Amino acid sequence: MVTQNNKEECRPWGYYKVLADTDTYKVKEIAVSPHKRLSLQRHQRRSEHWYILNGRAEITLDDRTMVLVPGQSVDIPEGALHRIANPGSENVCFIEVQTGDYFGEDDIERLEDDFGRG
């Protein structure tokens, strides 16, 4: 059963909205504010697919860095170090599709964080 919750969850780097939440996948719309970035993180119980809708995104995936623009995407395997950054002057918006067996926020292991979160 899909649960809908389009309430924005504000974060220091921008916001996200949960578009779908099921036992086997979760879908979010995420916006990263100009000159902000998410923590360098990994997940043990889910993989992610990011599809860029707007802006120019700098992606860190393990030891690689890449730039994605609207219409491009990247797969983040379970356990991979990853981060998205917005070096530009407009929001970076993307769709994140999570697959796995658990989607809780406590499956985020942060290795670096600009906002002091552990």
PDB file of N, CA and C in Angstrom:
ATOM      1  N   MET A   1       0.837  -1.189   0.000  1.00  0.00           N
ATOM      2  CA  MET A   1       0.000   0.000   0.000  1.00  0.00           C
ATOM      3  C   MET A   1       0.880   1.250   0.000  1.00  0.00           C
ATOM      4  N   VAL A   2       0.611   2.177  -0.894  1.00  0.00           N
ATOM      5  CA  VAL A   2       1.367   3.423  -0.997  1.00  0.00           C
ATOM      6  C   VAL A   2       0.773   4.437  -0.030  1.00  0.00           C
ATOM      7  N   THR A   3       1.635   5.055   0.765  1.00  0.00           N
ATOM      8  CA  THR A   3       1.220   6.126   1.657  1.00  0.00           C
ATOM      9  C   THR A   3       1.662   7.439   1.045  1.00  0.00           C
ATOM     10  N   GLN A   4       0.764   8.404   0.937  1.00  0.00           N
ATOM     11  CA  GLN A   4       1.124   9.704   0.395  1.00  0.00           C
ATOM     12  C   GLN A   4       1.285  10.700   1.531  1.00  0.00           C
ATOM     13  N   ASN A   5       2.343  11.502   1.437  1.00  0.00           N
ATOM     14  CA  ASN A   5       2.615  12.556   2.410  1.00  0.00           C
ATOM     15  C   ASN A   5       3.440  13.601   1.673  1.00  0.00           C
ATOM     16  N   ASN A   6       2.801  14.663   1.236  1.00  0.00           N
ATOM     17  CA  ASN A   6       3.505  15.666   0.449  1.00  0.00           C
ATOM     18  C   ASN A   6       3.976  16.846   1.289  1.00  0.00           C
ATOM     19  N   LYS A   7       4.018  16.678   2.589  1.00  0.00           N
ATOM     20  CA  LYS A   7       4.498  17.738   3.469  1.00  0.00           C
ATOM     21  C   LYS A   7       6.006  17.905   3.298  1.00  0.00           C
ATOM     22  N   GLU A   8       6.435  19.157   3.161  1.00  0.00           N
ATOM     23  CA  GLU A   8       7.869  19.420   3.038  1.00  0.00           C
ATOM     24  C   GLU A   8       8.551  19.235   4.384  1.00  0.00           C
ATOM     25  N   GLU A   9       9.665  18.541   4.361  1.00  0.00           N
ATOM     26  CA  GLU A   9      10.519  18.376   5.535  1.00  0.00           C
ATOM     27  C   GLU A   9      11.727  19.272   5.333  1.00  0.00           C
ATOM     28  N   CYS A  10      11.819  20.346   6.098  1.00  0.00           N
ATOM     29  CA  CYS A  10      12.928  21.290   5.951  1.00  0.00           C
ATOM     30  C   CYS A  10      14.203  20.735   6.562  1.00  0.00           C
ATOM     31  N   ARG A  11      15.293  20.974   5.901  1.00  0.00           N
ATOM     32  CA  ARG A  11      16.625  20.593   6.356  1.00  0.00           C
ATOM     33  C   ARG A  11      17.538  21.800   6.169  1.00  0.00           C
ATOM     34  N   PRO A  12      18.723  21.818   6.797  1.00  0.00           N
ATOM     35  CA  PRO A  12      19.594  22.992   6.642  1.00  0.00           C
ATOM     36  C   PRO A  12      20.110  23.193   5.217  1.00  0.00           C
ATOM     37  N   TRP A  13      20.049  22.167   4.391  1.00  0.00           N
ATOM     38  CA  TRP A  13      20.508  22.249   3.000  1.00  0.00           C
ATOM     39  C   TRP A  13      19.371  22.495   2.010  1.00  0.00           C
ATOM     40  N   GLY A  14      18.117  22.453   2.457  1.00  0.00           N
ATOM     41  CA  GLY A  14      16.972  22.613   1.561  1.00  0.00           C
ATOM     42  C   GLY A  14      15.755  21.917   2.131  1.00  0.00           C
ATOM     43  N   TYR A  15      15.083  21.077   1.311  1.00  0.00           N
ATOM     44  CA  TYR A  15      13.911  20.353   1.795  1.00  0.00           C
ATOM     45  C   TYR A  15      13.687  19.102   0.955  1.00  0.00           C
ATOM     46  N   TYR A  16      12.830  18.225   1.477  1.00  0.00           N
ATOM     47  CA  TYR A  16      12.354  17.092   0.681  1.00  0.00           C
ATOM     48  C   TYR A  16      10.880  16.859   0.957  1.00  0.00           C
ATOM     49  N   LYS A  17      10.220  16.218  -0.011  1.00  0.00           N
ATOM     50  CA  LYS A  17       8.835  15.794   0.125  1.00  0.00           C
ATOM     51  C   LYS A  17       8.780  14.307  -0.201  1.00  0.00           C
ATOM     52  N   VAL A  18       8.106  13.535   0.631  1.00  0.00           N
ATOM     53  CA  VAL A  18       7.896  12.118   0.345  1.00  0.00           C
ATOM     54  C   VAL A  18       6.710  12.010  -0.602  1.00  0.00           C
ATOM     55  N   LEU A  19       6.953  11.429  -1.775  1.00  0.00           N
ATOM     56  CA  LEU A  19       5.909  11.258  -2.783  1.00  0.00           C
ATOM     57  C   LEU A  19       5.233   9.899  -2.683  1.00  0.00           C
ATOM     58  N   ALA A  20       5.981   8.883  -2.255  1.00  0.00           N
ATOM     59  CA  ALA A  20       5.438   7.530  -2.091  1.00  0.00           C
ATOM     60  C   ALA A  20       6.267   6.806  -1.042  1.00  0.00           C
ATOM     61  N   ASP A  21       5.601   5.980  -0.237  1.00  0.00           N
ATOM     62  CA  ASP A  21       6.279   5.234   0.827  1.00  0.00           C
ATOM     63  C   ASP A  21       5.603   3.874   0.958  1.00  0.00           C
ATOM     64  N   THR A  22       6.315   2.819   0.551  1.00  0.00           N
ATOM     65  CA  THR A  22       5.773   1.461   0.611  1.00  0.00           C
ATOM     66  C   THR A  22       6.757   0.566   1.362  1.00  0.00           C
ATOM     67  N   ASP A  23       6.440  -0.700   1.455  1.00  0.00           N
ATOM     68  CA  ASP A  23       7.348  -1.654   2.099  1.00  0.00           C
ATOM     69  C   ASP A  23       8.586  -1.936   1.263  1.00  0.00           C
ATOM     70  N   THR A  24       8.526  -1.694  -0.061  1.00  0.00           N
ATOM     71  CA  THR A  24       9.638  -2.063  -0.939  1.00  0.00           C
ATOM     72  C   THR A  24      10.322  -0.884  -1.614  1.00  0.00           C
ATOM     73  N   TYR A  25       9.722   0.303  -1.561  1.00  0.00           N
ATOM     74  CA  TYR A  25      10.373   1.482  -2.122  1.00  0.00           C
ATOM     75  C   TYR A  25       9.837   2.750  -1.471  1.00  0.00           C
ATOM     76  N   LYS A  26      10.637   3.816  -1.593  1.00  0.00           N
ATOM     77  CA  LYS A  26      10.247   5.146  -1.122  1.00  0.00           C
ATOM     78  C   LYS A  26      10.709   6.141  -2.173  1.00  0.00           C
ATOM     79  N   VAL A  27       9.868   7.130  -2.481  1.00  0.00           N
ATOM     80  CA  VAL A  27      10.190   8.126  -3.492  1.00  0.00           C
ATOM     81  C   VAL A  27      10.112   9.515  -2.856  1.00  0.00           C
ATOM     82  N   LYS A  28      11.168  10.314  -3.068  1.00  0.00           N
ATOM     83  CA  LYS A  28      11.216  11.674  -2.544  1.00  0.00           C
ATOM     84  C   LYS A  28      11.522  12.659  -3.668  1.00  0.00           C
ATOM     85  N   GLU A  29      10.955  13.850  -3.551  1.00  0.00           N
ATOM     86  CA  GLU A  29      11.393  15.004  -4.340  1.00  0.00           C
ATOM     87  C   GLU A  29      12.285  15.810  -3.407  1.00  0.00           C
ATOM     88  N   ILE A  30      13.501  16.104  -3.843  1.00  0.00           N
ATOM     89  CA  ILE A  30      14.488  16.769  -2.989  1.00  0.00           C
ATOM     90  C   ILE A  30      14.970  18.036  -3.677  1.00  0.00           C
ATOM     91  N   ALA A  31      15.084  19.106  -2.906  1.00  0.00           N
ATOM     92  CA  ALA A  31      15.625  20.370  -3.415  1.00  0.00           C
ATOM     93  C   ALA A  31      16.810  20.770  -2.539  1.00  0.00           C
ATOM     94  N   VAL A  32      17.944  21.028  -3.180  1.00  0.00           N
ATOM     95  CA  VAL A  32      19.166  21.462  -2.497  1.00  0.00           C
ATOM     96  C   VAL A  32      19.369  22.943  -2.827  1.00  0.00           C
ATOM     97  N   SER A  33      19.440  23.762  -1.790  1.00  0.00           N
ATOM     98  CA  SER A  33      19.587  25.208  -1.962  1.00  0.00           C
ATOM     99  C   SER A  33      20.942  25.551  -2.573  1.00  0.00           C
ATOM    100  N   PRO A  34      21.031  26.731  -3.216  1.00  0.00           N
ATOM    101  CA  PRO A  34      22.311  27.155  -3.796  1.00  0.00           C
ATOM    102  C   PRO A  34      23.444  27.150  -2.770  1.00  0.00           C
ATOM    103  N   HIS A  35      24.589  26.636  -3.189  1.00  0.00           N
ATOM    104  CA  HIS A  35      25.817  26.601  -2.394  1.00  0.00           C
ATOM    105  C   HIS A  35      25.700  25.749  -1.130  1.00  0.00           C
ATOM    106  N   LYS A  36      24.802  24.764  -1.141  1.00  0.00           N
ATOM    107  CA  LYS A  36      24.641  23.824  -0.022  1.00  0.00           C
ATOM    108  C   LYS A  36      24.911  22.415  -0.527  1.00  0.00           C
ATOM    109  N   ARG A  37      25.119  21.513   0.420  1.00  0.00           N
ATOM    110  CA  ARG A  37      25.307  20.105   0.070  1.00  0.00           C
ATOM    111  C   ARG A  37      24.823  19.242   1.217  1.00  0.00           C
ATOM    112  N   LEU A  38      24.445  18.008   0.860  1.00  0.00           N
ATOM    113  CA  LEU A  38      24.053  17.031   1.864  1.00  0.00           C
ATOM    114  C   LEU A  38      25.311  16.442   2.490  1.00  0.00           C
ATOM    115  N   SER A  39      25.139  15.720   3.571  1.00  0.00           N
ATOM    116  CA  SER A  39      26.289  15.076   4.209  1.00  0.00           C
ATOM    117  C   SER A  39      26.861  13.991   3.305  1.00  0.00           C
ATOM    118  N   LEU A  40      28.148  13.704   3.501  1.00  0.00           N
ATOM    119  CA  LEU A  40      28.766  12.538   2.876  1.00  0.00           C
ATOM    120  C   LEU A  40      28.283  11.357   3.697  1.00  0.00           C
ATOM    121  N   GLN A  41      27.568  10.440   3.064  1.00  0.00           N
ATOM    122  CA  GLN A  41      26.852   9.411   3.825  1.00  0.00           C
ATOM    123  C   GLN A  41      26.819   8.092   3.091  1.00  0.00           C
ATOM    124  N   ARG A  42      26.317   7.090   3.806  1.00  0.00           N
ATOM    125  CA  ARG A  42      26.035   5.792   3.191  1.00  0.00           C
ATOM    126  C   ARG A  42      24.890   5.140   3.952  1.00  0.00           C
ATOM    127  N   HIS A  43      24.298   4.133   3.305  1.00  0.00           N
ATOM    128  CA  HIS A  43      23.174   3.400   3.876  1.00  0.00           C
ATOM    129  C   HIS A  43      23.478   1.910   3.796  1.00  0.00           C
ATOM    130  N   GLN A  44      23.116   1.188   4.820  1.00  0.00           N
ATOM    131  CA  GLN A  44      23.355  -0.253   4.848  1.00  0.00           C
ATOM    132  C   GLN A  44      22.164  -1.061   4.326  1.00  0.00           C
ATOM    133  N   ARG A  45      20.969  -0.436   4.280  1.00  0.00           N
ATOM    134  CA  ARG A  45      19.772  -1.233   3.981  1.00  0.00           C
ATOM    135  C   ARG A  45      18.989  -0.735   2.772  1.00  0.00           C
ATOM    136  N   ARG A  46      19.584   0.190   2.012  1.00  0.00           N
ATOM    137  CA  ARG A  46      18.886   0.658   0.816  1.00  0.00           C
ATOM    138  C   ARG A  46      19.869   1.143  -0.237  1.00  0.00           C
ATOM    139  N   SER A  47      19.429   1.084  -1.481  1.00  0.00           N
ATOM    140  CA  SER A  47      20.125   1.722  -2.592  1.00  0.00           C
ATOM    141  C   SER A  47      19.244   2.880  -3.049  1.00  0.00           C
ATOM    142  N   GLU A  48      19.818   3.775  -3.851  1.00  0.00           N
ATOM    143  CA  GLU A  48      19.080   4.942  -4.311  1.00  0.00           C
ATOM    144  C   GLU A  48      19.342   5.185  -5.789  1.00  0.00           C
ATOM    145  N   HIS A  49      18.363   5.772  -6.442  1.00  0.00           N
ATOM    146  CA  HIS A  49      18.493   6.226  -7.829  1.00  0.00           C
ATOM    147  C   HIS A  49      18.102   7.695  -7.827  1.00  0.00           C
ATOM    148  N   TRP A  50      18.998   8.562  -8.330  1.00  0.00           N
ATOM    149  CA  TRP A  50      18.745  10.006  -8.366  1.00  0.00           C
ATOM    150  C   TRP A  50      18.548  10.436  -9.810  1.00  0.00           C
ATOM    151  N   TYR A  51      17.441  11.127 -10.080  1.00  0.00           N
ATOM    152  CA  TYR A  51      17.130  11.668 -11.405  1.00  0.00           C
ATOM    153  C   TYR A  51      17.041  13.189 -11.287  1.00  0.00           C
ATOM    154  N   ILE A  52      17.926  13.906 -11.961  1.00  0.00           N
ATOM    155  CA  ILE A  52      18.022  15.354 -11.830  1.00  0.00           C
ATOM    156  C   ILE A  52      16.922  16.027 -12.662  1.00  0.00           C
ATOM    157  N   LEU A  53      16.172  16.933 -12.011  1.00  0.00           N
ATOM    158  CA  LEU A  53      15.093  17.677 -12.653  1.00  0.00           C
ATOM    159  C   LEU A  53      15.491  19.103 -12.989  1.00  0.00           C
ATOM    160  N   ASN A  54      16.324  19.720 -12.140  1.00  0.00           N
ATOM    161  CA  ASN A  54      16.638  21.133 -12.289  1.00  0.00           C
ATOM    162  C   ASN A  54      18.006  21.416 -11.681  1.00  0.00           C
ATOM    163  N   GLY A  55      18.764  22.294 -12.311  1.00  0.00           N
ATOM    164  CA  GLY A  55      20.049  22.717 -11.763  1.00  0.00           C
ATOM    165  C   GLY A  55      21.201  21.836 -12.212  1.00  0.00           C
ATOM    166  N   ARG A  56      22.372  22.173 -11.687  1.00  0.00           N
ATOM    167  CA  ARG A  56      23.611  21.449 -11.993  1.00  0.00           C
ATOM    168  C   ARG A  56      24.106  20.826 -10.695  1.00  0.00           C
ATOM    169  N   ALA A  57      24.105  19.519 -10.621  1.00  0.00           N
ATOM    170  CA  ALA A  57      24.427  18.794  -9.393  1.00  0.00           C
ATOM    171  C   ALA A  57      25.830  18.206  -9.452  1.00  0.00           C
ATOM    172  N   GLU A  58      26.586  18.405  -8.397  1.00  0.00           N
ATOM    173  CA  GLU A  58      27.880  17.736  -8.241  1.00  0.00           C
ATOM    174  C   GLU A  58      27.662  16.524  -7.348  1.00  0.00           C
ATOM    175  N   ILE A  59      27.959  15.360  -7.895  1.00  0.00           N
ATOM    176  CA  ILE A  59      27.724  14.093  -7.207  1.00  0.00           C
ATOM    177  C   ILE A  59      29.055  13.483  -6.800  1.00  0.00           C
ATOM    178  N   THR A  60      29.156  13.081  -5.546  1.00  0.00           N
ATOM    179  CA  THR A  60      30.272  12.269  -5.079  1.00  0.00           C
ATOM    180  C   THR A  60      29.739  10.858  -4.893  1.00  0.00           C
ATOM    181  N   LEU A  61      30.419   9.890  -5.512  1.00  0.00           N
ATOM    182  CA  LEU A  61      30.059   8.475  -5.387  1.00  0.00           C
ATOM    183  C   LEU A  61      31.344   7.708  -5.146  1.00  0.00           C
ATOM    184  N   ASP A  62      31.515   7.252  -3.902  1.00  0.00           N
ATOM    185  CA  ASP A  62      32.768   6.638  -3.454  1.00  0.00           C
ATOM    186  C   ASP A  62      33.925   7.582  -3.771  1.00  0.00           C
ATOM    187  N   ASP A  63      34.872   7.206  -4.625  1.00  0.00           N
ATOM    188  CA  ASP A  63      36.041   8.056  -4.883  1.00  0.00           C
ATOM    189  C   ASP A  63      35.923   8.841  -6.189  1.00  0.00           C
ATOM    190  N   ARG A  64      34.698   8.904  -6.771  1.00  0.00           N
ATOM    191  CA  ARG A  64      34.490   9.637  -8.026  1.00  0.00           C
ATOM    192  C   ARG A  64      33.633  10.875  -7.777  1.00  0.00           C
ATOM    193  N   THR A  65      33.857  11.884  -8.605  1.00  0.00           N
ATOM    194  CA  THR A  65      33.000  13.068  -8.621  1.00  0.00           C
ATOM    195  C   THR A  65      32.509  13.262 -10.046  1.00  0.00           C
ATOM    196  N   MET A  66      31.221  13.575 -10.186  1.00  0.00           N
ATOM    197  CA  MET A  66      30.636  13.785 -11.508  1.00  0.00           C
ATOM    198  C   MET A  66      29.654  14.933 -11.443  1.00  0.00           C
ATOM    199  N   VAL A  67      29.370  15.513 -12.589  1.00  0.00           N
ATOM    200  CA  VAL A  67      28.376  16.578 -12.702  1.00  0.00           C
ATOM    201  C   VAL A  67      27.195  16.033 -13.494  1.00  0.00           C
ATOM    202  N   LEU A  68      25.988  16.224 -12.947  1.00  0.00           N
ATOM    203  CA  LEU A  68      24.768  15.816 -13.637  1.00  0.00           C
ATOM    204  C   LEU A  68      23.887  17.033 -13.873  1.00  0.00           C
ATOM    205  N   VAL A  69      23.193  17.035 -14.998  1.00  0.00           N
ATOM    206  CA  VAL A  69      22.269  18.103 -15.376  1.00  0.00           C
ATOM    207  C   VAL A  69      20.890  17.483 -15.602  1.00  0.00           C
ATOM    208  N   PRO A  70      19.858  18.313 -15.750  1.00  0.00           N
ATOM    209  CA  PRO A  70      18.510  17.759 -15.919  1.00  0.00           C
ATOM    210  C   PRO A  70      18.436  16.679 -17.001  1.00  0.00           C
ATOM    211  N   GLY A  71      17.730  15.599 -16.641  1.00  0.00           N
ATOM    212  CA  GLY A  71      17.580  14.459 -17.537  1.00  0.00           C
ATOM    213  C   GLY A  71      18.599  13.362 -17.306  1.00  0.00           C
ATOM    214  N   GLN A  72      19.616  13.631 -16.499  1.00  0.00           N
ATOM    215  CA  GLN A  72      20.628  12.618 -16.191  1.00  0.00           C
ATOM    216  C   GLN A  72      20.343  11.998 -14.825  1.00  0.00           C
ATOM    217  N   SER A  73      20.906  10.817 -14.607  1.00  0.00           N
ATOM    218  CA  SER A  73      20.664  10.110 -13.350  1.00  0.00           C
ATOM    219  C   SER A  73      21.894   9.318 -12.937  1.00  0.00           C
ATOM    220  N   VAL A  74      21.863   8.864 -11.690  1.00  0.00           N
ATOM    221  CA  VAL A  74      22.943   8.045 -11.149  1.00  0.00           C
ATOM    222  C   VAL A  74      22.347   7.036 -10.173  1.00  0.00           C
ATOM    223  N   ASP A  75      22.935   5.856 -10.139  1.00  0.00           N
ATOM    224  CA  ASP A  75      22.556   4.825  -9.174  1.00  0.00           C
ATOM    225  C   ASP A  75      23.551   4.815  -8.029  1.00  0.00           C
ATOM    226  N   ILE A  76      23.031   4.799  -6.813  1.00  0.00           N
ATOM    227  CA  ILE A  76      23.842   4.763  -5.587  1.00  0.00           C
ATOM    228  C   ILE A  76      23.648   3.381  -4.964  1.00  0.00           C
ATOM    229  N   PRO A  77      24.634   2.492  -5.098  1.00  0.00           N
ATOM    230  CA  PRO A  77      24.476   1.147  -4.534  1.00  0.00           C
ATOM    231  C   PRO A  77      24.442   1.167  -3.001  1.00  0.00           C
ATOM    232  N   GLU A  78      23.810   0.190  -2.440  1.00  0.00           N
ATOM    233  CA  GLU A  78      23.797   0.008  -0.983  1.00  0.00           C
ATOM    234  C   GLU A  78      25.241  -0.003  -0.473  1.00  0.00           C
ATOM    235  N   GLY A  79      25.512   0.763   0.585  1.00  0.00           N
ATOM    236  CA  GLY A  79      26.842   0.802   1.189  1.00  0.00           C
ATOM    237  C   GLY A  79      27.813   1.779   0.551  1.00  0.00           C
ATOM    238  N   ALA A  80      27.455   2.404  -0.569  1.00  0.00           N
ATOM    239  CA  ALA A  80      28.368   3.334  -1.250  1.00  0.00           C
ATOM    240  C   ALA A  80      28.350   4.702  -0.560  1.00  0.00           C
ATOM    241  N   LEU A  81      29.539   5.321  -0.458  1.00  0.00           N
ATOM    242  CA  LEU A  81      29.610   6.700   0.023  1.00  0.00           C
ATOM    243  C   LEU A  81      29.061   7.613  -1.054  1.00  0.00           C
ATOM    244  N   HIS A  82      28.224   8.589  -0.649  1.00  0.00           N
ATOM    245  CA  HIS A  82      27.635   9.477  -1.643  1.00  0.00           C
ATOM    246  C   HIS A  82      27.265  10.819  -1.035  1.00  0.00           C
ATOM    247  N   ARG A  83      27.154  11.798  -1.945  1.00  0.00           N
ATOM    248  CA  ARG A  83      26.778  13.156  -1.564  1.00  0.00           C
ATOM    249  C   ARG A  83      26.317  13.875  -2.822  1.00  0.00           C
ATOM    250  N   ILE A  84      25.409  14.823  -2.656  1.00  0.00           N
ATOM    251  CA  ILE A  84      25.029  15.719  -3.738  1.00  0.00           C
ATOM    252  C   ILE A  84      25.267  17.140  -3.261  1.00  0.00           C
ATOM    253  N   ALA A  85      25.838  17.963  -4.130  1.00  0.00           N
ATOM    254  CA  ALA A  85      26.139  19.352  -3.804  1.00  0.00           C
ATOM    255  C   ALA A  85      25.583  20.253  -4.892  1.00  0.00           C
ATOM    256  N   ASN A  86      25.255  21.479  -4.496  1.00  0.00           N
ATOM    257  CA  ASN A  86      24.736  22.468  -5.428  1.00  0.00           C
ATOM    258  C   ASN A  86      25.686  23.659  -5.471  1.00  0.00           C
ATOM    259  N   PRO A  87      26.556  23.745  -6.481  1.00  0.00           N
ATOM    260  CA  PRO A  87      27.485  24.866  -6.587  1.00  0.00           C
ATOM    261  C   PRO A  87      26.862  26.098  -7.249  1.00  0.00           C
ATOM    262  N   GLY A  88      25.635  25.976  -7.742  1.00  0.00           N
ATOM    263  CA  GLY A  88      25.031  27.032  -8.544  1.00  0.00           C
ATOM    264  C   GLY A  88      24.201  28.030  -7.760  1.00  0.00           C
ATOM    265  N   SER A  89      23.472  28.859  -8.509  1.00  0.00           N
ATOM    266  CA  SER A  89      22.676  29.934  -7.910  1.00  0.00           C
ATOM    267  C   SER A  89      21.174  29.645  -7.937  1.00  0.00           C
ATOM    268  N   GLU A  90      20.776  28.456  -8.425  1.00  0.00           N
ATOM    269  CA  GLU A  90      19.372  28.037  -8.378  1.00  0.00           C
ATOM    270  C   GLU A  90      19.302  26.675  -7.695  1.00  0.00           C
ATOM    271  N   ASN A  91      18.118  26.332  -7.187  1.00  0.00           N
ATOM    272  CA  ASN A  91      17.964  25.035  -6.528  1.00  0.00           C
ATOM    273  C   ASN A  91      18.324  23.891  -7.470  1.00  0.00           C
ATOM    274  N   VAL A  92      18.933  22.853  -6.916  1.00  0.00           N
ATOM    275  CA  VAL A  92      19.053  21.567  -7.597  1.00  0.00           C
ATOM    276  C   VAL A  92      17.882  20.734  -7.099  1.00  0.00           C
ATOM    277  N   CYS A  93      17.033  20.292  -8.016  1.00  0.00           N
ATOM    278  CA  CYS A  93      15.894  19.453  -7.662  1.00  0.00           C
ATOM    279  C   CYS A  93      16.070  18.091  -8.318  1.00  0.00           C
ATOM    280  N   PHE A  94      15.765  17.057  -7.553  1.00  0.00           N
ATOM    281  CA  PHE A  94      15.872  15.711  -8.104  1.00  0.00           C
ATOM    282  C   PHE A  94      14.876  14.786  -7.448  1.00  0.00           C
ATOM    283  N   ILE A  95      14.611  13.678  -8.121  1.00  0.00           N
ATOM    284  CA  ILE A  95      13.774  12.612  -7.590  1.00  0.00           C
ATOM    285  C   ILE A  95      14.698  11.511  -7.098  1.00  0.00           C
ATOM    286  N   GLU A  96      14.451  11.074  -5.878  1.00  0.00           N
ATOM    287  CA  GLU A  96      15.220   9.975  -5.291  1.00  0.00           C
ATOM    288  C   GLU A  96      14.289   8.783  -5.121  1.00  0.00           C
ATOM    289  N   VAL A  97      14.676   7.653  -5.715  1.00  0.00           N
ATOM    290  CA  VAL A  97      13.932   6.408  -5.543  1.00  0.00           C
ATOM    291  C   VAL A  97      14.792   5.481  -4.697  1.00  0.00           C
ATOM    292  N   GLN A  98      14.301   5.161  -3.513  1.00  0.00           N
ATOM    293  CA  GLN A  98      15.006   4.252  -2.604  1.00  0.00           C
ATOM    294  C   GLN A  98      14.405   2.857  -2.735  1.00  0.00           C
ATOM    295  N   THR A  99      15.265   1.841  -2.817  1.00  0.00           N
ATOM    296  CA  THR A  99      14.801   0.457  -2.789  1.00  0.00           C
ATOM    297  C   THR A  99      15.614  -0.297  -1.756  1.00  0.00           C
ATOM    298  N   GLY A 100      14.996  -1.245  -1.102  1.00  0.00           N
ATOM    299  CA  GLY A 100      15.656  -2.019  -0.063  1.00  0.00           C
ATOM    300  C   GLY A 100      14.634  -2.572   0.901  1.00  0.00           C
ATOM    301  N   ASP A 101      15.074  -2.843   2.138  1.00  0.00           N
ATOM    302  CA  ASP A 101      14.146  -3.407   3.113  1.00  0.00           C
ATOM    303  C   ASP A 101      13.886  -2.481   4.301  1.00  0.00           C
ATOM    304  N   TYR A 102      14.488  -1.260   4.289  1.00  0.00           N
ATOM    305  CA  TYR A 102      14.265  -0.306   5.382  1.00  0.00           C
ATOM    306  C   TYR A 102      14.616   1.095   4.895  1.00  0.00           C
ATOM    307  N   PHE A 103      13.761   2.076   5.206  1.00  0.00           N
ATOM    308  CA  PHE A 103      13.932   3.421   4.667  1.00  0.00           C
ATOM    309  C   PHE A 103      13.976   4.499   5.739  1.00  0.00           C
ATOM    310  N   GLY A 104      14.187   4.114   6.987  1.00  0.00           N
ATOM    311  CA  GLY A 104      14.215   5.082   8.078  1.00  0.00           C
ATOM    312  C   GLY A 104      15.417   6.014   7.998  1.00  0.00           C
ATOM    313  N   GLU A 105      15.243   7.222   8.538  1.00  0.00           N
ATOM    314  CA  GLU A 105      16.321   8.205   8.552  1.00  0.00           C
ATOM    315  C   GLU A 105      17.503   7.733   9.408  1.00  0.00           C
ATOM    316  N   ASP A 106      17.282   6.785  10.305  1.00  0.00           N
ATOM    317  CA  ASP A 106      18.380   6.280  11.141  1.00  0.00           C
ATOM    318  C   ASP A 106      19.281   5.294  10.395  1.00  0.00           C
ATOM    319  N   ASP A 107      19.029   5.057   9.114  1.00  0.00           N
ATOM    320  CA  ASP A 107      19.942   4.263   8.282  1.00  0.00           C
ATOM    321  C   ASP A 107      20.933   5.175   7.549  1.00  0.00           C
ATOM    322  N   ILE A 108      21.049   6.420   8.004  1.00  0.00           N
ATOM    323  CA  ILE A 108      22.020   7.352   7.423  1.00  0.00           C
ATOM    324  C   ILE A 108      23.259   7.360   8.310  1.00  0.00           C
ATOM    325  N   GLU A 109      24.373   6.916   7.755  1.00  0.00           N
ATOM    326  CA  GLU A 109      25.665   7.009   8.435  1.00  0.00           C
ATOM    327  C   GLU A 109      26.407   8.191   7.826  1.00  0.00           C
ATOM    328  N   ARG A 110      26.537   9.281   8.599  1.00  0.00           N
ATOM    329  CA  ARG A 110      27.191  10.495   8.101  1.00  0.00           C
ATOM    330  C   ARG A 110      28.675  10.458   8.424  1.00  0.00           C
ATOM    331  N   LEU A 111      29.503  10.635   7.391  1.00  0.00           N
ATOM    332  CA  LEU A 111      30.948  10.683   7.593  1.00  0.00           C
ATOM    333  C   LEU A 111      31.474  12.107   7.628  1.00  0.00           C
ATOM    334  N   GLU A 112      30.806  13.020   6.908  1.00  0.00           N
ATOM    335  CA  GLU A 112      31.118  14.455   6.939  1.00  0.00           C
ATOM    336  C   GLU A 112      29.780  15.178   6.863  1.00  0.00           C
ATOM    337  N   ASP A 113      29.662  16.277   7.623  1.00  0.00           N
ATOM    338  CA  ASP A 113      28.414  17.036   7.590  1.00  0.00           C
ATOM    339  C   ASP A 113      28.703  18.508   7.870  1.00  0.00           C
ATOM    340  N   ASP A 114      28.254  19.385   6.983  1.00  0.00           N
ATOM    341  CA  ASP A 114      28.463  20.822   7.127  1.00  0.00           C
ATOM    342  C   ASP A 114      27.659  21.423   8.271  1.00  0.00           C
ATOM    343  N   PHE A 115      26.711  20.688   8.796  1.00  0.00           N
ATOM    344  CA  PHE A 115      25.771  21.229   9.782  1.00  0.00           C
ATOM    345  C   PHE A 115      25.892  20.573  11.152  1.00  0.00           C
ATOM    346  N   GLY A 116      26.988  19.826  11.377  1.00  0.00           N
ATOM    347  CA  GLY A 116      27.265  19.239  12.693  1.00  0.00           C
ATOM    348  C   GLY A 116      26.374  18.101  13.104  1.00  0.00           C
ATOM    349  N   ARG A 117      25.700  17.465  12.150  1.00  0.00           N
ATOM    350  CA  ARG A 117      24.865  16.311  12.484  1.00  0.00           C
ATOM    351  C   ARG A 117      25.717  15.052  12.460  1.00  0.00           C
ATOM    352  N   GLY A 118      25.460  14.149  13.378  1.00  0.00           N
ATOM    353  CA  GLY A 118      26.256  12.925  13.459  1.00  0.00           C
ATOM    354  C   GLY A 118      25.640  11.759  12.754  1.00  0.00           C
TER     355      GLY A 118
END
